[in-house]
Amino acid sequence: MAEINSNAGHTRQKGGVRRGKKLSTKVDLTPMVDLGFLLITFFVFTSAISKPKAMNLYLPAGETTSMPTGESTALTIIPVADNKVFYYHGDVATALRTNMYGTTTFSISHGIGDIIREKQIALGKNPKFTKEDLMLIIKPAADASYQNVVNALDEVLINNLHHYAFVDLEQVEKETLLQLKIQPLPTSPEREAIKAQP
């Protein structure tokens, strides 16, 4: 705050001319320095908190587009419309035959996170594997939202998964989703396009 000190000198009259009072001005900058340090501290603190955090995405090395994985350690999740997730263990044909598949959501309780943790516990009890051997394969469907993909990546971080991959849906998986009525039945031109795919 600025303070003004005034020297209360007596006004003298010389020759009929009246002289005004002399005022000395003194500005106290101490509160300004305190405010400056507070602002610097605030900006340093907030910039340290708001550092962007990125997650590493590991892809197969070299020119190969596929990577072999064991059926026992594989869990495939397929995010679909309406925040639902279709999942199966191992190979899709074996999973359908042995009833090792299901549909769930991304909810905190009884969601896909519980399925992942159950798989980790089962692998931990197996003498051949550890829970770190779980391979999560994420195959977003065409009608899945971006938020569903982010939720799947969140499950990777929450459950501390070391092995995961993003893969395109195969033809047999598209047909499985249609047969189980998890995805809406496409119109006739779309059906022909699906059948025509290799």
N, C-alpha and C. Protein backbone atom coordinates (compact mmCIF):
# COMPACT_ATOMS: atom_id res chain seq x y z
N MET A 1 0.84 -1.17 0.00
CA MET A 1 0.00 0.00 0.00
C MET A 1 0.89 1.23 0.00
N ALA A 2 0.45 2.26 -0.64
CA ALA A 2 1.22 3.50 -0.68
C ALA A 2 0.88 4.34 0.53
N GLU A 3 1.86 4.94 1.07
CA GLU A 3 1.58 5.85 2.18
C GLU A 3 2.19 7.21 1.86
N ILE A 4 1.50 8.20 2.28
CA ILE A 4 1.93 9.58 2.01
C ILE A 4 2.25 10.24 3.34
N ASN A 5 3.49 10.66 3.46
CA ASN A 5 3.90 11.39 4.66
C ASN A 5 3.97 12.87 4.33
N SER A 6 3.43 13.63 5.15
CA SER A 6 3.46 15.08 4.90
C SER A 6 4.19 15.77 6.03
N ASN A 7 5.11 16.65 5.65
CA ASN A 7 5.78 17.49 6.63
C ASN A 7 4.92 18.73 6.86
N ALA A 8 4.42 18.79 8.05
CA ALA A 8 3.52 19.91 8.33
C ALA A 8 4.35 21.16 8.65
N GLY A 9 4.90 21.78 7.61
CA GLY A 9 5.69 23.00 7.83
C GLY A 9 4.76 24.21 7.88
N HIS A 10 5.15 25.19 8.63
CA HIS A 10 4.33 26.40 8.74
C HIS A 10 4.46 27.21 7.46
N THR A 11 3.38 27.68 6.99
CA THR A 11 3.41 28.51 5.80
C THR A 11 3.79 29.93 6.22
N ARG A 12 4.75 30.38 5.52
CA ARG A 12 5.20 31.74 5.82
C ARG A 12 4.73 32.67 4.72
N GLN A 13 4.49 33.79 5.10
CA GLN A 13 4.08 34.78 4.13
C GLN A 13 5.22 35.75 3.91
N LYS A 14 5.69 35.79 2.69
CA LYS A 14 6.73 36.75 2.35
C LYS A 14 6.18 37.67 1.28
N GLY A 15 6.21 38.85 1.59
CA GLY A 15 5.77 39.85 0.64
C GLY A 15 4.36 39.62 0.15
N GLY A 16 3.54 39.13 1.01
CA GLY A 16 2.15 38.94 0.63
C GLY A 16 1.90 37.69 -0.20
N VAL A 17 2.96 36.87 -0.47
CA VAL A 17 2.78 35.65 -1.27
C VAL A 17 2.67 34.47 -0.31
N ARG A 18 1.65 33.70 -0.47
CA ARG A 18 1.44 32.56 0.41
C ARG A 18 2.04 31.32 -0.24
N ARG A 19 2.88 30.60 0.49
CA ARG A 19 3.51 29.39 -0.03
C ARG A 19 2.72 28.17 0.45
N GLY A 20 2.61 27.15 -0.43
CA GLY A 20 1.87 25.93 -0.07
C GLY A 20 2.72 24.98 0.75
N LYS A 21 2.05 23.95 1.32
CA LYS A 21 2.75 22.95 2.10
C LYS A 21 3.55 22.03 1.19
N LYS A 22 4.73 21.63 1.64
CA LYS A 22 5.53 20.66 0.90
C LYS A 22 5.16 19.26 1.38
N LEU A 23 4.79 18.39 0.46
CA LEU A 23 4.41 17.01 0.80
C LEU A 23 5.48 16.05 0.28
N SER A 24 5.93 15.13 1.13
CA SER A 24 6.87 14.11 0.65
C SER A 24 6.11 12.79 0.48
N THR A 25 6.26 12.15 -0.68
CA THR A 25 5.53 10.92 -0.98
C THR A 25 6.47 9.73 -0.85
N LYS A 26 6.04 8.70 -0.08
CA LYS A 26 6.83 7.49 0.09
C LYS A 26 5.92 6.31 -0.24
N VAL A 27 6.33 5.46 -1.21
CA VAL A 27 5.53 4.30 -1.62
C VAL A 27 6.11 3.04 -1.00
N ASP A 28 5.30 2.32 -0.24
CA ASP A 28 5.74 1.07 0.39
C ASP A 28 5.37 -0.10 -0.52
N LEU A 29 6.38 -0.76 -1.12
CA LEU A 29 6.15 -1.85 -2.09
C LEU A 29 6.22 -3.24 -1.46
N THR A 30 6.30 -3.34 -0.17
CA THR A 30 6.40 -4.65 0.48
C THR A 30 5.20 -5.56 0.16
N PRO A 31 3.97 -5.09 0.25
CA PRO A 31 2.86 -5.98 -0.12
C PRO A 31 2.89 -6.41 -1.58
N MET A 32 3.41 -5.56 -2.46
CA MET A 32 3.51 -5.90 -3.87
C MET A 32 4.48 -7.05 -4.09
N VAL A 33 5.60 -7.06 -3.36
CA VAL A 33 6.58 -8.13 -3.45
C VAL A 33 5.96 -9.44 -2.95
N ASP A 34 5.23 -9.37 -1.84
CA ASP A 34 4.55 -10.56 -1.32
C ASP A 34 3.57 -11.12 -2.34
N LEU A 35 2.80 -10.26 -2.97
CA LEU A 35 1.84 -10.70 -3.99
C LEU A 35 2.56 -11.34 -5.17
N GLY A 36 3.69 -10.78 -5.58
CA GLY A 36 4.46 -11.35 -6.69
C GLY A 36 4.94 -12.76 -6.38
N PHE A 37 5.46 -12.96 -5.17
CA PHE A 37 5.91 -14.30 -4.79
C PHE A 37 4.75 -15.29 -4.69
N LEU A 38 3.61 -14.82 -4.22
CA LEU A 38 2.43 -15.69 -4.17
C LEU A 38 2.01 -16.12 -5.58
N LEU A 39 2.01 -15.19 -6.52
CA LEU A 39 1.64 -15.53 -7.90
C LEU A 39 2.64 -16.48 -8.53
N ILE A 40 3.93 -16.24 -8.30
CA ILE A 40 4.95 -17.15 -8.86
C ILE A 40 4.78 -18.55 -8.29
N THR A 41 4.57 -18.64 -6.97
CA THR A 41 4.36 -19.95 -6.34
C THR A 41 3.14 -20.64 -6.90
N PHE A 42 2.07 -19.90 -7.10
CA PHE A 42 0.83 -20.47 -7.63
C PHE A 42 1.04 -21.03 -9.04
N PHE A 43 1.68 -20.26 -9.91
CA PHE A 43 1.87 -20.71 -11.29
C PHE A 43 2.84 -21.88 -11.38
N VAL A 44 3.88 -21.89 -10.56
CA VAL A 44 4.81 -23.03 -10.56
C VAL A 44 4.09 -24.28 -10.10
N PHE A 45 3.27 -24.16 -9.06
CA PHE A 45 2.55 -25.31 -8.52
C PHE A 45 1.54 -25.86 -9.52
N THR A 46 0.76 -24.99 -10.14
CA THR A 46 -0.26 -25.46 -11.08
C THR A 46 0.36 -26.02 -12.35
N SER A 47 1.47 -25.48 -12.80
CA SER A 47 2.10 -26.03 -14.01
C SER A 47 2.69 -27.40 -13.73
N ALA A 48 3.15 -27.65 -12.50
CA ALA A 48 3.68 -28.97 -12.16
C ALA A 48 2.56 -30.00 -12.10
N ILE A 49 1.38 -29.60 -11.67
CA ILE A 49 0.25 -30.54 -11.58
C ILE A 49 -0.30 -30.88 -12.96
N SER A 50 -0.37 -29.90 -13.84
CA SER A 50 -1.06 -30.09 -15.11
C SER A 50 -0.15 -30.63 -16.22
N LYS A 51 0.90 -31.39 -15.86
CA LYS A 51 1.72 -31.99 -16.90
C LYS A 51 0.93 -33.11 -17.58
N PRO A 52 0.92 -33.17 -18.90
CA PRO A 52 0.15 -34.22 -19.58
C PRO A 52 0.73 -35.59 -19.31
N LYS A 53 -0.15 -36.56 -19.10
CA LYS A 53 0.28 -37.94 -18.87
C LYS A 53 -0.15 -38.77 -20.07
N ALA A 54 0.79 -39.44 -20.66
CA ALA A 54 0.50 -40.26 -21.84
C ALA A 54 0.77 -41.72 -21.52
N MET A 55 0.03 -42.58 -22.18
CA MET A 55 0.21 -44.01 -21.97
C MET A 55 0.93 -44.58 -23.19
N ASN A 56 1.93 -45.41 -22.96
CA ASN A 56 2.66 -46.02 -24.06
C ASN A 56 1.80 -47.08 -24.74
N LEU A 57 1.81 -47.06 -26.06
CA LEU A 57 1.07 -48.04 -26.84
C LEU A 57 2.10 -48.90 -27.56
N TYR A 58 2.18 -50.16 -27.18
CA TYR A 58 3.18 -51.06 -27.74
C TYR A 58 2.58 -51.84 -28.91
N LEU A 59 3.28 -51.83 -30.02
CA LEU A 59 2.84 -52.51 -31.23
C LEU A 59 3.87 -53.57 -31.59
N PRO A 60 3.47 -54.60 -32.36
CA PRO A 60 4.44 -55.63 -32.77
C PRO A 60 5.58 -55.02 -33.56
N ALA A 61 6.78 -55.52 -33.33
CA ALA A 61 7.95 -54.99 -34.02
C ALA A 61 8.02 -55.53 -35.44
N GLY A 62 8.64 -54.75 -36.31
CA GLY A 62 8.88 -55.19 -37.69
C GLY A 62 7.67 -55.00 -38.59
N GLU A 63 7.66 -55.75 -39.68
CA GLU A 63 6.63 -55.61 -40.70
C GLU A 63 5.40 -56.46 -40.43
N THR A 64 5.46 -57.34 -39.43
CA THR A 64 4.35 -58.25 -39.20
C THR A 64 3.14 -57.51 -38.66
N THR A 65 1.96 -57.90 -39.13
CA THR A 65 0.72 -57.29 -38.65
C THR A 65 0.05 -58.14 -37.60
N SER A 66 0.54 -59.35 -37.38
CA SER A 66 -0.06 -60.22 -36.37
C SER A 66 1.03 -60.75 -35.44
N MET A 67 0.60 -61.16 -34.26
CA MET A 67 1.54 -61.66 -33.28
C MET A 67 0.89 -62.84 -32.58
N PRO A 68 1.52 -64.00 -32.56
CA PRO A 68 0.89 -65.16 -31.94
C PRO A 68 0.77 -65.00 -30.44
N THR A 69 -0.34 -65.48 -29.88
CA THR A 69 -0.53 -65.45 -28.44
C THR A 69 -1.23 -66.73 -28.00
N GLY A 70 -0.95 -67.16 -26.79
CA GLY A 70 -1.54 -68.39 -26.29
C GLY A 70 -3.02 -68.22 -25.97
N GLU A 71 -3.81 -69.26 -26.27
CA GLU A 71 -5.24 -69.19 -26.01
C GLU A 71 -5.55 -69.11 -24.53
N SER A 72 -4.73 -69.74 -23.71
CA SER A 72 -4.99 -69.77 -22.27
C SER A 72 -4.85 -68.39 -21.64
N THR A 73 -3.99 -67.57 -22.19
CA THR A 73 -3.72 -66.26 -21.59
C THR A 73 -4.48 -65.13 -22.27
N ALA A 74 -5.22 -65.42 -23.32
CA ALA A 74 -5.86 -64.35 -24.11
C ALA A 74 -7.27 -64.07 -23.63
N LEU A 75 -7.58 -62.81 -23.52
CA LEU A 75 -8.94 -62.34 -23.26
C LEU A 75 -9.23 -61.25 -24.27
N THR A 76 -10.26 -61.47 -25.07
CA THR A 76 -10.63 -60.50 -26.11
C THR A 76 -11.88 -59.76 -25.68
N ILE A 77 -11.82 -58.42 -25.76
CA ILE A 77 -13.00 -57.61 -25.47
C ILE A 77 -13.36 -56.81 -26.71
N ILE A 78 -14.65 -56.76 -27.00
CA ILE A 78 -15.15 -56.05 -28.18
C ILE A 78 -16.16 -55.00 -27.70
N PRO A 79 -15.73 -53.73 -27.58
CA PRO A 79 -16.70 -52.68 -27.24
C PRO A 79 -17.69 -52.49 -28.39
N VAL A 80 -18.99 -52.48 -28.05
CA VAL A 80 -20.05 -52.30 -29.05
C VAL A 80 -20.90 -51.10 -28.63
N ALA A 81 -22.03 -50.93 -29.29
CA ALA A 81 -22.89 -49.78 -29.02
C ALA A 81 -23.52 -49.88 -27.62
N ASP A 82 -24.06 -48.78 -27.17
CA ASP A 82 -24.76 -48.68 -25.87
C ASP A 82 -23.86 -49.02 -24.69
N ASN A 83 -22.57 -48.72 -24.80
CA ASN A 83 -21.59 -48.94 -23.72
C ASN A 83 -21.53 -50.40 -23.27
N LYS A 84 -21.81 -51.32 -24.16
CA LYS A 84 -21.71 -52.74 -23.85
C LYS A 84 -20.38 -53.29 -24.34
N VAL A 85 -19.98 -54.41 -23.73
CA VAL A 85 -18.73 -55.07 -24.10
C VAL A 85 -18.99 -56.56 -24.26
N PHE A 86 -18.64 -57.08 -25.43
CA PHE A 86 -18.68 -58.53 -25.63
C PHE A 86 -17.27 -59.05 -25.39
N TYR A 87 -17.14 -60.13 -24.63
CA TYR A 87 -15.82 -60.67 -24.33
C TYR A 87 -15.83 -62.18 -24.51
N TYR A 88 -14.67 -62.73 -24.79
CA TYR A 88 -14.51 -64.18 -24.83
C TYR A 88 -13.07 -64.54 -24.49
N HIS A 89 -12.90 -65.75 -23.98
CA HIS A 89 -11.59 -66.25 -23.58
C HIS A 89 -11.01 -67.12 -24.69
N GLY A 90 -9.74 -66.88 -25.03
CA GLY A 90 -9.07 -67.70 -26.04
C GLY A 90 -9.57 -67.44 -27.44
N ASP A 91 -9.79 -68.53 -28.19
CA ASP A 91 -10.28 -68.46 -29.57
C ASP A 91 -11.80 -68.32 -29.57
N VAL A 92 -12.33 -67.56 -30.54
CA VAL A 92 -13.78 -67.30 -30.55
C VAL A 92 -14.59 -68.58 -30.78
N ALA A 93 -14.12 -69.47 -31.66
CA ALA A 93 -14.86 -70.70 -31.92
C ALA A 93 -14.87 -71.60 -30.69
N THR A 94 -13.74 -71.73 -30.02
CA THR A 94 -13.66 -72.54 -28.80
C THR A 94 -14.48 -71.91 -27.69
N ALA A 95 -14.45 -70.60 -27.59
CA ALA A 95 -15.20 -69.91 -26.54
C ALA A 95 -16.70 -70.10 -26.72
N LEU A 96 -17.18 -70.07 -27.98
CA LEU A 96 -18.60 -70.28 -28.23
C LEU A 96 -18.99 -71.72 -27.93
N ARG A 97 -18.10 -72.65 -28.22
CA ARG A 97 -18.39 -74.07 -27.98
C ARG A 97 -18.41 -74.40 -26.49
N THR A 98 -17.50 -73.79 -25.73
CA THR A 98 -17.37 -74.09 -24.30
C THR A 98 -18.07 -73.06 -23.41
N ASN A 99 -18.83 -72.16 -24.00
CA ASN A 99 -19.59 -71.15 -23.26
C ASN A 99 -18.67 -70.24 -22.42
N MET A 100 -17.54 -69.85 -22.99
CA MET A 100 -16.58 -68.97 -22.31
C MET A 100 -16.65 -67.56 -22.90
N TYR A 101 -17.85 -67.02 -22.98
CA TYR A 101 -18.05 -65.68 -23.53
C TYR A 101 -19.18 -65.02 -22.76
N GLY A 102 -19.37 -63.75 -22.99
CA GLY A 102 -20.46 -63.03 -22.33
C GLY A 102 -20.51 -61.58 -22.76
N THR A 103 -21.50 -60.90 -22.22
CA THR A 103 -21.68 -59.47 -22.49
C THR A 103 -21.77 -58.74 -21.16
N THR A 104 -21.07 -57.64 -21.04
CA THR A 104 -21.09 -56.85 -19.82
C THR A 104 -20.98 -55.37 -20.19
N THR A 105 -20.68 -54.54 -19.21
CA THR A 105 -20.54 -53.10 -19.44
C THR A 105 -19.20 -52.63 -18.86
N PHE A 106 -19.02 -51.31 -18.87
CA PHE A 106 -17.82 -50.72 -18.28
C PHE A 106 -18.07 -50.22 -16.86
N SER A 107 -19.14 -50.69 -16.21
CA SER A 107 -19.46 -50.22 -14.87
C SER A 107 -18.40 -50.69 -13.87
N ILE A 108 -18.31 -49.98 -12.75
CA ILE A 108 -17.29 -50.28 -11.75
C ILE A 108 -17.55 -51.64 -11.10
N SER A 109 -18.81 -51.90 -10.78
CA SER A 109 -19.15 -53.20 -10.18
C SER A 109 -19.77 -54.10 -11.23
N HIS A 110 -19.34 -55.33 -11.28
CA HIS A 110 -19.83 -56.35 -12.23
C HIS A 110 -19.62 -55.93 -13.68
N GLY A 111 -18.54 -55.22 -13.95
CA GLY A 111 -18.21 -54.80 -15.31
C GLY A 111 -17.06 -55.61 -15.89
N ILE A 112 -16.49 -55.10 -16.97
CA ILE A 112 -15.39 -55.81 -17.64
C ILE A 112 -14.15 -55.86 -16.75
N GLY A 113 -14.02 -54.90 -15.84
CA GLY A 113 -12.88 -54.92 -14.91
C GLY A 113 -12.89 -56.17 -14.03
N ASP A 114 -14.08 -56.60 -13.61
CA ASP A 114 -14.19 -57.83 -12.81
C ASP A 114 -13.79 -59.05 -13.62
N ILE A 115 -14.15 -59.07 -14.90
CA ILE A 115 -13.79 -60.20 -15.78
C ILE A 115 -12.26 -60.27 -15.92
N ILE A 116 -11.63 -59.11 -16.10
CA ILE A 116 -10.17 -59.08 -16.24
C ILE A 116 -9.50 -59.57 -14.96
N ARG A 117 -9.99 -59.12 -13.81
CA ARG A 117 -9.38 -59.53 -12.54
C ARG A 117 -9.60 -61.03 -12.28
N GLU A 118 -10.76 -61.56 -12.66
CA GLU A 118 -11.01 -63.00 -12.50
C GLU A 118 -10.03 -63.80 -13.37
N LYS A 119 -9.79 -63.31 -14.58
CA LYS A 119 -8.83 -63.98 -15.47
C LYS A 119 -7.42 -63.92 -14.88
N GLN A 120 -7.04 -62.78 -14.30
CA GLN A 120 -5.72 -62.66 -13.68
C GLN A 120 -5.58 -63.62 -12.50
N ILE A 121 -6.62 -63.75 -11.69
CA ILE A 121 -6.58 -64.66 -10.55
C ILE A 121 -6.45 -66.11 -11.02
N ALA A 122 -7.21 -66.46 -12.08
CA ALA A 122 -7.14 -67.82 -12.63
C ALA A 122 -5.74 -68.13 -13.17
N LEU A 123 -5.13 -67.17 -13.84
CA LEU A 123 -3.77 -67.37 -14.36
C LEU A 123 -2.77 -67.46 -13.21
N GLY A 124 -3.00 -66.71 -12.14
CA GLY A 124 -2.10 -66.76 -11.00
C GLY A 124 -2.13 -68.11 -10.29
N LYS A 125 -3.27 -68.79 -10.34
CA LYS A 125 -3.38 -70.11 -9.71
C LYS A 125 -2.81 -71.22 -10.59
N ASN A 126 -2.64 -70.93 -11.87
CA ASN A 126 -2.08 -71.92 -12.80
C ASN A 126 -0.56 -71.95 -12.65
N PRO A 127 0.05 -73.12 -12.44
CA PRO A 127 1.51 -73.16 -12.25
C PRO A 127 2.31 -72.75 -13.49
N LYS A 128 1.69 -72.81 -14.67
CA LYS A 128 2.42 -72.46 -15.91
C LYS A 128 2.49 -70.95 -16.14
N PHE A 129 1.56 -70.19 -15.55
CA PHE A 129 1.46 -68.77 -15.86
C PHE A 129 1.46 -67.94 -14.58
N THR A 130 1.58 -66.64 -14.78
CA THR A 130 1.35 -65.66 -13.71
C THR A 130 0.29 -64.69 -14.20
N LYS A 131 -0.21 -63.88 -13.29
CA LYS A 131 -1.26 -62.93 -13.70
C LYS A 131 -0.73 -61.88 -14.68
N GLU A 132 0.60 -61.69 -14.72
CA GLU A 132 1.19 -60.74 -15.67
C GLU A 132 1.17 -61.28 -17.11
N ASP A 133 0.88 -62.56 -17.28
CA ASP A 133 0.87 -63.16 -18.62
C ASP A 133 -0.42 -62.88 -19.39
N LEU A 134 -1.40 -62.27 -18.75
CA LEU A 134 -2.68 -62.01 -19.43
C LEU A 134 -2.46 -61.09 -20.63
N MET A 135 -3.01 -61.52 -21.76
CA MET A 135 -2.95 -60.73 -23.00
C MET A 135 -4.36 -60.23 -23.29
N LEU A 136 -4.56 -58.92 -23.18
CA LEU A 136 -5.87 -58.32 -23.45
C LEU A 136 -5.89 -57.83 -24.89
N ILE A 137 -6.84 -58.34 -25.66
CA ILE A 137 -6.99 -57.93 -27.06
C ILE A 137 -8.25 -57.09 -27.18
N ILE A 138 -8.09 -55.86 -27.60
CA ILE A 138 -9.21 -54.91 -27.71
C ILE A 138 -9.56 -54.77 -29.18
N LYS A 139 -10.82 -55.10 -29.53
CA LYS A 139 -11.28 -55.05 -30.91
C LYS A 139 -12.56 -54.20 -30.97
N PRO A 140 -12.44 -52.88 -31.09
CA PRO A 140 -13.65 -52.05 -31.12
C PRO A 140 -14.51 -52.34 -32.35
N ALA A 141 -15.82 -52.46 -32.13
CA ALA A 141 -16.75 -52.64 -33.25
C ALA A 141 -16.98 -51.29 -33.93
N ALA A 142 -17.61 -51.35 -35.09
CA ALA A 142 -17.82 -50.12 -35.87
C ALA A 142 -18.73 -49.14 -35.15
N ASP A 143 -19.67 -49.66 -34.34
CA ASP A 143 -20.62 -48.77 -33.66
C ASP A 143 -20.18 -48.41 -32.24
N ALA A 144 -18.96 -48.77 -31.87
CA ALA A 144 -18.44 -48.41 -30.54
C ALA A 144 -18.05 -46.94 -30.54
N SER A 145 -18.27 -46.28 -29.42
CA SER A 145 -17.90 -44.87 -29.32
C SER A 145 -16.44 -44.73 -28.90
N TYR A 146 -15.92 -43.54 -29.10
CA TYR A 146 -14.53 -43.26 -28.70
C TYR A 146 -14.37 -43.42 -27.19
N GLN A 147 -15.42 -43.05 -26.44
CA GLN A 147 -15.38 -43.19 -24.99
C GLN A 147 -15.21 -44.64 -24.57
N ASN A 148 -15.81 -45.57 -25.34
CA ASN A 148 -15.66 -46.99 -25.03
C ASN A 148 -14.20 -47.43 -25.17
N VAL A 149 -13.52 -46.93 -26.18
CA VAL A 149 -12.10 -47.27 -26.38
C VAL A 149 -11.26 -46.69 -25.24
N VAL A 150 -11.57 -45.47 -24.82
CA VAL A 150 -10.86 -44.86 -23.69
C VAL A 150 -11.11 -45.66 -22.42
N ASN A 151 -12.35 -46.12 -22.22
CA ASN A 151 -12.67 -46.93 -21.04
C ASN A 151 -11.89 -48.24 -21.05
N ALA A 152 -11.73 -48.83 -22.23
CA ALA A 152 -10.95 -50.07 -22.34
C ALA A 152 -9.49 -49.81 -21.97
N LEU A 153 -8.94 -48.69 -22.41
CA LEU A 153 -7.57 -48.33 -22.04
C LEU A 153 -7.45 -48.04 -20.55
N ASP A 154 -8.49 -47.47 -19.98
CA ASP A 154 -8.50 -47.24 -18.53
C ASP A 154 -8.41 -48.55 -17.77
N GLU A 155 -9.11 -49.57 -18.27
CA GLU A 155 -9.05 -50.88 -17.61
C GLU A 155 -7.63 -51.47 -17.70
N VAL A 156 -6.93 -51.17 -18.78
CA VAL A 156 -5.54 -51.62 -18.91
C VAL A 156 -4.69 -51.00 -17.79
N LEU A 157 -4.88 -49.70 -17.55
CA LEU A 157 -4.11 -49.02 -16.50
C LEU A 157 -4.54 -49.46 -15.11
N ILE A 158 -5.85 -49.56 -14.89
CA ILE A 158 -6.36 -49.91 -13.56
C ILE A 158 -5.86 -51.29 -13.14
N ASN A 159 -5.88 -52.25 -14.07
CA ASN A 159 -5.52 -53.62 -13.74
C ASN A 159 -4.04 -53.93 -13.99
N ASN A 160 -3.27 -52.90 -14.34
CA ASN A 160 -1.81 -53.03 -14.51
C ASN A 160 -1.47 -54.15 -15.50
N LEU A 161 -2.08 -54.08 -16.68
CA LEU A 161 -1.84 -55.09 -17.71
C LEU A 161 -0.59 -54.73 -18.50
N HIS A 162 0.31 -55.70 -18.64
CA HIS A 162 1.56 -55.46 -19.36
C HIS A 162 1.44 -55.80 -20.84
N HIS A 163 0.47 -56.63 -21.20
CA HIS A 163 0.31 -57.08 -22.58
C HIS A 163 -1.10 -56.76 -23.05
N TYR A 164 -1.20 -55.91 -24.07
CA TYR A 164 -2.49 -55.58 -24.66
C TYR A 164 -2.27 -55.14 -26.10
N ALA A 165 -3.32 -55.21 -26.90
CA ALA A 165 -3.18 -54.85 -28.32
C ALA A 165 -4.53 -54.41 -28.87
N PHE A 166 -4.48 -53.51 -29.85
CA PHE A 166 -5.67 -53.12 -30.60
C PHE A 166 -5.64 -53.88 -31.93
N VAL A 167 -6.75 -54.56 -32.23
CA VAL A 167 -6.82 -55.38 -33.43
C VAL A 167 -8.16 -55.14 -34.10
N ASP A 168 -8.20 -55.27 -35.43
CA ASP A 168 -9.46 -55.17 -36.17
C ASP A 168 -10.30 -56.42 -35.97
N LEU A 169 -11.61 -56.24 -36.06
CA LEU A 169 -12.53 -57.38 -35.95
C LEU A 169 -12.35 -58.32 -37.14
N GLU A 170 -12.39 -59.62 -36.85
CA GLU A 170 -12.35 -60.61 -37.91
C GLU A 170 -13.78 -60.90 -38.38
N GLN A 171 -13.88 -61.55 -39.54
CA GLN A 171 -15.19 -61.85 -40.12
C GLN A 171 -16.01 -62.74 -39.19
N VAL A 172 -15.37 -63.74 -38.60
CA VAL A 172 -16.09 -64.67 -37.74
C VAL A 172 -16.63 -63.95 -36.50
N GLU A 173 -15.92 -62.95 -36.03
CA GLU A 173 -16.39 -62.18 -34.87
C GLU A 173 -17.58 -61.30 -35.24
N LYS A 174 -17.55 -60.71 -36.43
CA LYS A 174 -18.69 -59.91 -36.89
C LYS A 174 -19.93 -60.77 -37.01
N GLU A 175 -19.77 -61.99 -37.56
CA GLU A 175 -20.90 -62.89 -37.70
C GLU A 175 -21.41 -63.35 -36.33
N THR A 176 -20.49 -63.54 -35.39
CA THR A 176 -20.87 -63.95 -34.04
C THR A 176 -21.69 -62.87 -33.35
N LEU A 177 -21.29 -61.61 -33.50
CA LEU A 177 -22.03 -60.51 -32.90
C LEU A 177 -23.44 -60.41 -33.49
N LEU A 178 -23.56 -60.70 -34.77
CA LEU A 178 -24.88 -60.67 -35.42
C LEU A 178 -25.72 -61.85 -34.96
N GLN A 179 -25.14 -63.04 -34.87
CA GLN A 179 -25.89 -64.23 -34.45
C GLN A 179 -26.38 -64.11 -33.02
N LEU A 180 -25.54 -63.54 -32.15
CA LEU A 180 -25.94 -63.39 -30.75
C LEU A 180 -26.80 -62.14 -30.52
N LYS A 181 -27.09 -61.42 -31.60
CA LYS A 181 -27.92 -60.20 -31.57
C LYS A 181 -27.34 -59.14 -30.63
N ILE A 182 -26.01 -59.09 -30.58
CA ILE A 182 -25.34 -58.05 -29.81
C ILE A 182 -25.27 -56.77 -30.62
N GLN A 183 -25.11 -56.93 -31.93
CA GLN A 183 -25.16 -55.81 -32.85
C GLN A 183 -26.46 -55.88 -33.63
N PRO A 184 -27.02 -54.73 -34.01
CA PRO A 184 -28.25 -54.77 -34.80
C PRO A 184 -28.00 -55.41 -36.16
N LEU A 185 -29.01 -56.10 -36.64
CA LEU A 185 -28.91 -56.78 -37.93
C LEU A 185 -28.77 -55.75 -39.03
N PRO A 186 -27.76 -55.85 -39.89
CA PRO A 186 -27.57 -54.84 -40.94
C PRO A 186 -28.62 -54.98 -42.04
N THR A 187 -28.73 -53.92 -42.82
CA THR A 187 -29.66 -53.95 -43.96
C THR A 187 -29.10 -54.86 -45.05
N SER A 188 -29.90 -55.13 -46.07
CA SER A 188 -29.49 -56.08 -47.12
C SER A 188 -28.19 -55.71 -47.81
N PRO A 189 -27.97 -54.46 -48.25
CA PRO A 189 -26.67 -54.14 -48.89
C PRO A 189 -25.50 -54.36 -47.94
N GLU A 190 -25.69 -54.04 -46.64
CA GLU A 190 -24.61 -54.24 -45.68
C GLU A 190 -24.33 -55.71 -45.47
N ARG A 191 -25.38 -56.54 -45.49
CA ARG A 191 -25.19 -57.99 -45.35
C ARG A 191 -24.36 -58.53 -46.49
N GLU A 192 -24.68 -58.08 -47.69
CA GLU A 192 -23.92 -58.55 -48.87
C GLU A 192 -22.46 -58.12 -48.77
N ALA A 193 -22.22 -56.90 -48.25
CA ALA A 193 -20.84 -56.42 -48.11
C ALA A 193 -20.09 -57.25 -47.09
N ILE A 194 -20.77 -57.65 -45.98
CA ILE A 194 -20.13 -58.47 -44.97
C ILE A 194 -19.79 -59.84 -45.54
N LYS A 195 -20.72 -60.43 -46.30
CA LYS A 195 -20.49 -61.75 -46.88
C LYS A 195 -19.36 -61.70 -47.92
N ALA A 196 -19.24 -60.58 -48.62
CA ALA A 196 -18.23 -60.46 -49.67
C ALA A 196 -16.82 -60.27 -49.11
N GLN A 197 -16.71 -59.91 -47.84
CA GLN A 197 -15.38 -59.71 -47.26
C GLN A 197 -14.66 -61.05 -47.14
N PRO A 198 -13.32 -61.03 -47.35
CA PRO A 198 -12.57 -62.29 -47.27
C PRO A 198 -12.46 -62.78 -45.84
